[in-house]
Amino acid sequence: MRSVELFAGAGGLAIGMANAGFHHAAVIEWDHDACETFRENQRHHLRSVEKWPLHEGDVRAFDYTSLRDVMVVSGGPPCQPFSLGGKHKGFLDKRDMFPEAVRAVHELRPKAFIFENVKGLMRETFASYFEYVNLQLTHPGLLRRKSESWREHRARLERHHTSRRAQPEYNVVFRLLNAANYGVPQRRERVFLVGFRSDLDVKWSFPEETHSDDALLNSKWIAGDYWERHRVAGKQRPWLAARQTARVEKLRHGALFQDAKLPWLTVRDAISDLPDPERFPKSGISNHSFNPGARSYPGHTGSPLDEPAKTLKAGDHGVPGGENMLARADESVRYFTVREAARLQTFPDNYTFRGPWTEAMRQLGNAVPVRLAETVARSVADALLGIKRQG
């Protein structure tokens, strides 16, 4: 199943797609450091990326005419225009690449597409533009005219969409997904837009969640197996947070714990087998070097060891340290190493990141968690393979 990956970044979505059985006919990314990360892993013959045709450059200049039989287009258009931590320019931001996502769908006519973006895209401020994106992906052939503003184009799309003769080119659905609910050790909410070509008559819905906070509470404070698994003695266990007491009591006094889901994964689940980079600086583990200077202050407290991590982030002026710090049990803090952050984003351990700590963390902060990407991509792949079997 051939695919094209746009705005590939460090490769989280691309690796997830490959794990789900897609073969990239082109991987497009403009950022040089992110491309160097790809090349580094290709030089080491990492199977998941070894044969990807990497194109470093502006996607706006990419020519799709040489690509044939592309089944899926995927990518995460730059999220800064819509990020809660950004400048909130949205469609006024030159980094808004949704028009290029639409162009790729229009020119390649894939059977399906998968696009990912930040939760901020669904904010009330951007609601009208989010509607516009959906309409363009539903009718990618109804192109914007040079003389049209985006609002005029949206109005024309609305009229077309509601007319009697209109037939959608793609059936598009979207959902806000929390990566923690799919086995990623991080609270990370992202919008996924998935579309299938309407002539295929695919019946699809987002994958069911597999993990839950209630199951983690049960594992820690009722069954106790979480602490036993990690060999944490009673005296070393943190106190139950006051905000969670009522929920734990409801779970404890329910007839039976009914949540069949697995517990949310925590920072401890993700990194406990890695040596402390401060105590063992010569571990020999790739990207696992201690970075000094972390400090805590109100609103900048790091991720607790026994909860899913806070959302890893990337910013215009470096990486916000609060989200990229580990809060130890003794209330001290330190920065996550790049390898630890890669674990929190569910990248494979043999995947190497190029650049200094700040640059590597920026790549990771922009990435789609590999496990979440694979879950969505595998579901899409199953639907497309179902069409083949029927045919």
Protein backbone atom coordinates (compact mmCIF):
# COMPACT_ATOMS: atom_id res chain seq x y z
CA MET A 1 0.00 0.00 0.00
CA ARG A 2 1.74 3.14 -1.25
CA SER A 3 1.52 6.35 0.76
CA VAL A 4 2.87 9.90 0.74
CA GLU A 5 3.94 11.58 3.97
CA LEU A 6 3.74 15.39 4.14
CA PHE A 7 5.29 17.58 6.87
CA ALA A 8 7.11 14.48 8.13
CA GLY A 9 9.06 16.15 10.94
CA ALA A 10 11.05 13.59 12.93
CA GLY A 11 8.89 10.77 11.60
CA GLY A 12 6.39 9.79 14.29
CA LEU A 13 3.40 9.56 11.97
CA ALA A 14 5.53 8.17 9.14
CA ILE A 15 6.90 5.33 11.30
CA GLY A 16 3.41 4.55 12.59
CA MET A 17 2.16 4.38 9.00
CA ALA A 18 5.03 2.07 8.04
CA ASN A 19 4.34 -0.17 11.04
CA ALA A 20 0.74 -0.43 9.83
CA GLY A 21 1.87 -1.73 6.43
CA PHE A 22 2.16 1.42 4.29
CA HIS A 23 5.14 1.99 1.99
CA HIS A 24 6.07 5.63 1.53
CA ALA A 25 6.51 6.68 -2.10
CA ALA A 26 7.66 10.10 -0.88
CA VAL A 27 8.47 11.66 2.50
CA ILE A 28 8.50 15.47 2.39
CA GLU A 29 9.99 17.74 5.07
CA TRP A 30 11.54 21.20 4.88
CA ASP A 31 13.39 21.30 8.22
CA HIS A 32 17.05 20.37 7.71
CA ASP A 33 17.65 18.99 11.21
CA ALA A 34 14.61 16.73 10.99
CA CYS A 35 15.84 15.50 7.60
CA GLU A 36 19.26 14.84 9.14
CA THR A 37 17.50 12.68 11.74
CA PHE A 38 15.95 10.66 8.90
CA ARG A 39 19.29 10.36 7.12
CA GLU A 40 21.08 9.28 10.29
CA ASN A 41 18.64 6.42 10.74
CA GLN A 42 18.83 5.52 7.05
CA ARG A 43 22.64 5.34 7.31
CA HIS A 44 22.22 2.89 10.16
CA HIS A 45 19.88 0.80 7.97
CA LEU A 46 16.91 1.12 10.31
CA ARG A 47 14.31 -1.01 8.55
CA SER A 48 11.34 1.27 9.19
CA VAL A 49 12.94 4.23 7.34
CA GLU A 50 15.72 2.72 5.20
CA LYS A 51 14.02 2.86 1.78
CA TRP A 52 11.98 6.02 2.17
CA PRO A 53 12.52 8.54 -0.67
CA LEU A 54 13.20 11.65 1.43
CA HIS A 55 12.61 15.06 -0.18
CA GLU A 56 14.04 17.99 1.76
CA GLY A 57 12.32 21.17 0.71
CA ASP A 58 9.17 23.27 0.73
CA VAL A 59 6.09 21.14 0.13
CA ARG A 60 4.60 24.04 -1.83
CA ALA A 61 7.17 23.38 -4.55
CA PHE A 62 6.71 19.61 -4.67
CA ASP A 63 5.53 18.09 -7.95
CA TYR A 64 3.22 15.08 -7.50
CA THR A 65 2.95 14.18 -11.19
CA SER A 66 5.55 11.39 -10.97
CA LEU A 67 3.66 9.57 -8.21
CA ARG A 68 1.08 6.96 -9.14
CA ASP A 69 -1.29 4.66 -7.27
CA VAL A 70 -0.96 6.40 -3.92
CA MET A 71 -3.40 4.82 -1.52
CA VAL A 72 -3.06 7.20 1.45
CA VAL A 73 -1.78 10.73 2.04
CA SER A 74 -0.82 11.48 5.62
CA GLY A 75 0.84 14.24 7.58
CA GLY A 76 0.71 16.75 10.38
CA PRO A 77 0.50 20.27 8.92
CA PRO A 78 2.57 22.68 11.05
CA CYS A 79 0.59 23.22 14.23
CA GLN A 80 2.03 26.55 15.42
CA PRO A 81 -0.71 28.64 13.74
CA PHE A 82 -3.34 26.90 15.90
CA SER A 83 -1.33 25.92 19.01
CA LEU A 84 -2.54 27.08 22.41
CA GLY A 85 1.06 28.01 23.15
CA GLY A 86 1.64 29.82 19.87
CA LYS A 87 0.76 33.23 18.47
CA HIS A 88 -2.76 32.14 17.43
CA LYS A 89 -2.58 33.61 13.92
CA GLY A 90 -4.32 30.61 12.38
CA PHE A 91 -5.08 31.13 8.70
CA LEU A 92 -3.13 34.43 8.77
CA ASP A 93 0.03 32.54 9.67
CA LYS A 94 2.35 31.79 6.75
CA ARG A 95 3.05 28.41 8.35
CA ASP A 96 -0.55 27.27 7.78
CA MET A 97 -0.04 24.33 5.44
CA PHE A 98 -3.58 22.99 5.24
CA PRO A 99 -3.88 24.39 1.69
CA GLU A 100 -0.97 22.10 0.76
CA ALA A 101 -2.65 19.11 2.40
CA VAL A 102 -5.71 19.81 0.27
CA ARG A 103 -3.56 20.18 -2.86
CA ALA A 104 -1.98 16.79 -2.28
CA VAL A 105 -5.39 15.14 -1.91
CA HIS A 106 -6.68 16.90 -5.03
CA GLU A 107 -3.72 15.96 -7.21
CA LEU A 108 -3.08 12.41 -5.94
CA ARG A 109 -6.70 11.31 -5.46
CA PRO A 110 -5.73 8.81 -2.74
CA LYS A 111 -8.23 6.31 -1.41
CA ALA A 112 -7.85 7.84 2.05
CA PHE A 113 -6.00 10.49 4.01
CA ILE A 114 -4.94 10.97 7.63
CA PHE A 115 -4.08 14.43 8.95
CA GLU A 116 -3.21 15.39 12.52
CA ASN A 117 -3.13 18.74 14.29
CA VAL A 118 -3.24 20.36 17.71
CA LYS A 119 -6.31 20.63 19.92
CA GLY A 120 -6.22 24.40 19.39
CA LEU A 121 -7.56 23.93 15.86
CA MET A 122 -10.93 23.21 17.47
CA ARG A 123 -10.98 26.41 19.52
CA GLU A 124 -13.92 28.75 18.98
CA THR A 125 -11.50 31.30 17.51
CA PHE A 126 -10.71 28.95 14.64
CA ALA A 127 -14.10 27.25 14.29
CA SER A 128 -14.93 28.89 10.97
CA TYR A 129 -11.53 28.00 9.53
CA PHE A 130 -11.80 24.42 10.80
CA GLU A 131 -15.13 24.18 8.97
CA TYR A 132 -13.37 25.53 5.88
CA VAL A 133 -10.63 22.87 6.13
CA ASN A 134 -13.27 20.14 6.39
CA LEU A 135 -15.17 21.45 3.38
CA GLN A 136 -11.99 21.63 1.29
CA LEU A 137 -11.06 18.06 2.19
CA THR A 138 -14.60 16.94 1.39
CA HIS A 139 -14.53 18.70 -2.00
CA PRO A 140 -10.81 19.05 -2.88
CA GLY A 141 -11.65 19.49 -6.56
CA LEU A 142 -13.50 22.74 -5.92
CA LEU A 143 -10.37 24.88 -5.89
CA ARG A 144 -9.98 28.38 -4.55
CA ARG A 145 -9.88 31.02 -7.26
CA LYS A 146 -7.08 33.57 -7.31
CA SER A 147 -9.56 36.39 -6.78
CA GLU A 148 -11.26 34.72 -3.77
CA SER A 149 -10.61 35.27 -0.11
CA TRP A 150 -10.75 32.11 2.00
CA ARG A 151 -14.14 33.25 3.39
CA GLU A 152 -15.54 33.67 -0.12
CA HIS A 153 -14.21 30.25 -1.04
CA ARG A 154 -15.77 28.78 2.11
CA ALA A 155 -19.16 30.29 1.19
CA ARG A 156 -18.91 28.79 -2.30
CA LEU A 157 -18.02 25.42 -0.81
CA GLU A 158 -21.00 25.65 1.56
CA ARG A 159 -23.37 26.39 -1.30
CA HIS A 160 -21.96 23.50 -3.29
CA HIS A 161 -22.04 21.15 -0.29
CA THR A 162 -25.70 21.85 0.41
CA SER A 163 -26.89 21.75 -3.18
CA ARG A 164 -28.99 18.89 -4.51
CA ARG A 165 -26.42 17.84 -7.08
CA ALA A 166 -23.42 17.88 -4.75
CA GLN A 167 -21.63 14.61 -4.12
CA PRO A 168 -18.72 14.64 -1.66
CA GLU A 169 -15.41 13.48 -3.13
CA TYR A 170 -14.34 12.34 0.35
CA ASN A 171 -16.28 11.36 3.43
CA VAL A 172 -14.43 13.11 6.26
CA VAL A 173 -14.62 12.51 10.01
CA PHE A 174 -12.59 14.07 12.80
CA ARG A 175 -12.06 13.39 16.47
CA LEU A 176 -9.99 14.75 19.34
CA LEU A 177 -7.87 11.84 20.58
CA ASN A 178 -5.94 11.64 23.85
CA ALA A 179 -2.80 9.59 23.23
CA ALA A 180 -2.89 8.29 26.82
CA ASN A 181 -6.11 6.43 25.96
CA TYR A 182 -4.20 4.43 23.32
CA GLY A 183 -1.22 3.25 25.35
CA VAL A 184 1.06 6.29 25.05
CA PRO A 185 2.65 7.35 28.38
CA GLN A 186 1.69 10.97 27.82
CA ARG A 187 -1.42 13.14 28.05
CA ARG A 188 -1.46 14.46 24.51
CA GLU A 189 -4.67 15.61 22.83
CA ARG A 190 -4.61 15.94 19.06
CA VAL A 191 -7.23 16.33 16.33
CA PHE A 192 -7.22 13.65 13.63
CA LEU A 193 -9.01 14.20 10.32
CA VAL A 194 -9.56 11.01 8.34
CA GLY A 195 -11.25 10.80 4.97
CA PHE A 196 -12.11 8.03 2.52
CA ARG A 197 -12.91 8.53 -1.14
CA SER A 198 -16.70 8.46 -1.32
CA ASP A 199 -16.87 6.11 -4.32
CA LEU A 200 -15.32 3.36 -2.16
CA ASP A 201 -18.29 3.30 0.22
CA VAL A 202 -16.06 2.62 3.23
CA LYS A 203 -17.76 2.35 6.60
CA TRP A 204 -15.18 3.38 9.19
CA SER A 205 -14.96 4.79 12.68
CA PHE A 206 -12.07 5.72 14.94
CA PRO A 207 -10.45 2.87 16.89
CA GLU A 208 -11.83 2.21 20.35
CA GLU A 209 -9.77 3.43 23.30
CA THR A 210 -7.67 0.74 24.96
CA HIS A 211 -6.39 2.43 28.16
CA SER A 212 -8.00 4.55 30.87
CA ASP A 213 -7.28 6.72 33.90
CA ASP A 214 -9.78 4.74 36.00
CA ALA A 215 -7.86 1.54 35.29
CA LEU A 216 -4.64 3.23 36.43
CA LEU A 217 -6.32 4.44 39.63
CA ASN A 218 -7.53 0.93 40.27
CA SER A 219 -4.07 -0.51 39.61
CA LYS A 220 -2.39 1.93 41.99
CA TRP A 221 -4.83 2.52 44.84
CA ILE A 222 -7.13 -0.52 44.94
CA ALA A 223 -5.43 -3.58 43.45
CA GLY A 224 -1.95 -2.23 44.18
CA ASP A 225 -0.31 -4.21 41.37
CA TYR A 226 1.23 -1.05 39.86
CA TRP A 227 3.53 -0.56 42.84
CA GLU A 228 4.31 -4.25 43.12
CA ARG A 229 5.25 -4.44 39.44
CA HIS A 230 7.70 -1.58 39.89
CA ARG A 231 8.88 -2.83 43.31
CA VAL A 232 8.05 0.44 45.04
CA ALA A 233 7.92 -0.03 48.82
CA GLY A 234 5.01 1.43 50.77
CA LYS A 235 7.16 4.18 52.34
CA GLN A 236 8.32 5.30 48.90
CA ARG A 237 4.89 5.59 47.37
CA PRO A 238 3.39 9.05 46.92
CA TRP A 239 0.22 10.10 48.68
CA LEU A 240 -3.08 9.80 46.86
CA ALA A 241 -3.83 13.25 45.46
CA ALA A 242 -6.82 14.92 47.10
CA ARG A 243 -8.42 15.57 43.71
CA GLN A 244 -8.46 11.81 43.05
CA THR A 245 -9.78 10.64 46.43
CA ALA A 246 -13.47 10.78 45.54
CA ARG A 247 -12.96 8.88 42.28
CA VAL A 248 -10.94 6.15 43.98
CA GLU A 249 -13.64 5.75 46.62
CA LYS A 250 -16.29 5.37 43.94
CA LEU A 251 -14.20 2.73 42.24
CA ARG A 252 -13.50 0.99 45.53
CA HIS A 253 -17.13 0.83 46.61
CA GLY A 254 -18.57 -0.06 43.23
CA ALA A 255 -20.00 -3.54 42.87
CA LEU A 256 -17.05 -4.55 40.69
CA PHE A 257 -14.44 -2.65 38.74
CA GLN A 258 -16.03 -2.73 35.30
CA ASP A 259 -13.38 -0.97 33.20
CA ALA A 260 -12.01 -3.63 30.85
CA LYS A 261 -9.35 -1.23 29.56
CA LEU A 262 -5.70 -1.35 30.46
CA PRO A 263 -4.23 1.26 32.84
CA TRP A 264 -2.83 4.46 31.46
CA LEU A 265 0.94 4.12 31.11
CA THR A 266 3.06 6.39 33.30
CA VAL A 267 6.47 8.03 33.06
CA ARG A 268 7.77 5.29 35.36
CA ASP A 269 6.36 2.64 33.00
CA ALA A 270 8.19 4.30 30.11
CA ILE A 271 11.64 5.06 31.50
CA SER A 272 12.26 3.07 34.70
CA ASP A 273 14.62 0.63 32.97
CA LEU A 274 16.88 3.46 31.77
CA PRO A 275 19.81 4.45 34.04
CA ASP A 276 19.64 7.83 35.77
CA PRO A 277 21.57 10.07 33.32
CA GLU A 278 22.86 12.30 36.13
CA ARG A 279 24.27 9.43 38.20
CA PHE A 280 25.42 7.32 35.24
CA PRO A 281 26.51 9.79 32.54
CA LYS A 282 28.46 7.16 30.56
CA SER A 283 25.65 4.67 30.00
CA GLY A 284 26.41 4.39 26.28
CA ILE A 285 22.72 4.71 25.43
CA SER A 286 22.03 6.83 22.37
CA ASN A 287 20.51 10.28 23.08
CA HIS A 288 20.55 9.62 26.85
CA SER A 289 22.70 12.49 28.13
CA PHE A 290 21.98 14.62 31.20
CA ASN A 291 21.04 18.23 30.50
CA PRO A 292 21.58 20.53 33.54
CA GLY A 293 19.70 23.64 34.57
CA ALA A 294 16.17 22.41 35.29
CA ARG A 295 14.30 24.28 38.00
CA SER A 296 10.77 24.35 39.31
CA TYR A 297 8.49 27.29 40.03
CA PRO A 298 4.70 27.80 40.04
CA GLY A 299 3.18 26.54 36.79
CA HIS A 300 6.49 25.00 35.78
CA THR A 301 6.65 21.81 37.78
CA GLY A 302 7.43 18.94 35.44
CA SER A 303 5.77 15.57 34.91
CA PRO A 304 5.12 13.32 37.96
CA LEU A 305 6.81 9.94 37.77
CA ASP A 306 3.62 7.94 38.37
CA GLU A 307 1.31 9.70 35.91
CA PRO A 308 1.37 9.96 32.13
CA ALA A 309 3.72 12.78 31.14
CA LYS A 310 2.46 16.23 30.37
CA THR A 311 2.30 17.04 26.66
CA LEU A 312 5.80 17.40 25.26
CA LYS A 313 5.97 20.72 23.44
CA ALA A 314 8.09 22.68 21.02
CA GLY A 315 8.11 26.47 20.95
CA ASP A 316 9.39 29.42 18.95
CA HIS A 317 12.01 30.28 21.57
CA GLY A 318 13.18 26.90 22.77
CA VAL A 319 11.26 24.22 24.62
CA PRO A 320 9.05 25.03 27.63
CA GLY A 321 10.91 23.27 30.45
CA GLY A 322 7.87 22.59 32.62
CA GLU A 323 6.46 20.09 30.18
CA ASN A 324 9.84 18.52 29.43
CA MET A 325 10.99 17.93 33.00
CA LEU A 326 10.71 14.92 35.26
CA ALA A 327 9.35 15.63 38.75
CA ARG A 328 11.07 13.15 41.04
CA ALA A 329 9.48 11.65 44.15
CA ASP A 330 11.72 13.84 46.36
CA GLU A 331 10.28 16.96 44.62
CA SER A 332 13.51 17.69 42.72
CA VAL A 333 13.34 18.09 38.95
CA ARG A 334 15.53 17.40 35.97
CA TYR A 335 15.10 17.60 32.23
CA PHE A 336 14.09 14.49 30.34
CA THR A 337 16.85 13.19 28.14
CA VAL A 338 16.13 12.93 24.44
CA ARG A 339 15.90 9.15 24.78
CA GLU A 340 13.38 9.46 27.62
CA ALA A 341 11.30 11.91 25.59
CA ALA A 342 11.46 9.49 22.66
CA ARG A 343 10.11 6.78 24.97
CA LEU A 344 7.26 9.12 25.97
CA GLN A 345 6.52 9.57 22.25
CA THR A 346 6.83 5.76 21.74
CA PHE A 347 9.66 5.96 19.20
CA PRO A 348 11.73 2.77 18.91
CA ASP A 349 14.90 2.70 21.01
CA ASN A 350 17.09 2.26 17.93
CA TYR A 351 15.82 5.51 16.41
CA THR A 352 18.46 8.24 16.76
CA PHE A 353 17.80 11.99 16.86
CA ARG A 354 20.26 14.50 15.40
CA GLY A 355 21.11 17.88 16.85
CA PRO A 356 21.63 19.35 20.34
CA TRP A 357 19.14 18.70 23.14
CA THR A 358 16.96 21.73 22.33
CA GLU A 359 16.71 20.83 18.65
CA ALA A 360 16.04 17.14 19.29
CA MET A 361 13.37 18.02 21.85
CA ARG A 362 11.79 20.40 19.35
CA GLN A 363 11.55 17.54 16.86
CA LEU A 364 9.99 15.31 19.51
CA GLY A 365 7.61 18.03 20.70
CA ASN A 366 6.25 18.36 17.17
CA ALA A 367 5.94 14.61 16.57
CA VAL A 368 2.90 12.34 16.53
CA PRO A 369 3.33 9.49 19.05
CA VAL A 370 4.28 6.45 17.00
CA ARG A 371 1.88 4.13 18.83
CA LEU A 372 -1.10 6.44 18.32
CA ALA A 373 -0.18 6.94 14.65
CA GLU A 374 0.07 3.19 14.15
CA THR A 375 -3.29 2.57 15.83
CA VAL A 376 -5.14 4.99 13.55
CA ALA A 377 -3.16 3.94 10.45
CA ARG A 378 -3.74 0.23 11.05
CA SER A 379 -7.48 0.84 11.32
CA VAL A 380 -7.44 2.74 8.01
CA ALA A 381 -5.31 0.00 6.42
CA ASP A 382 -7.76 -2.69 7.55
CA ALA A 383 -10.63 -0.76 5.95
CA LEU A 384 -8.75 -0.41 2.66
CA LEU A 385 -7.68 -4.05 2.65
CA GLY A 386 -11.34 -4.93 3.20
CA ILE A 387 -12.19 -3.14 -0.04
CA LYS A 388 -9.53 -5.17 -1.88
CA ARG A 389 -10.90 -8.44 -0.53
CA GLN A 390 -14.42 -7.48 -1.56
CA GLY A 391 -13.21 -6.54 -5.02
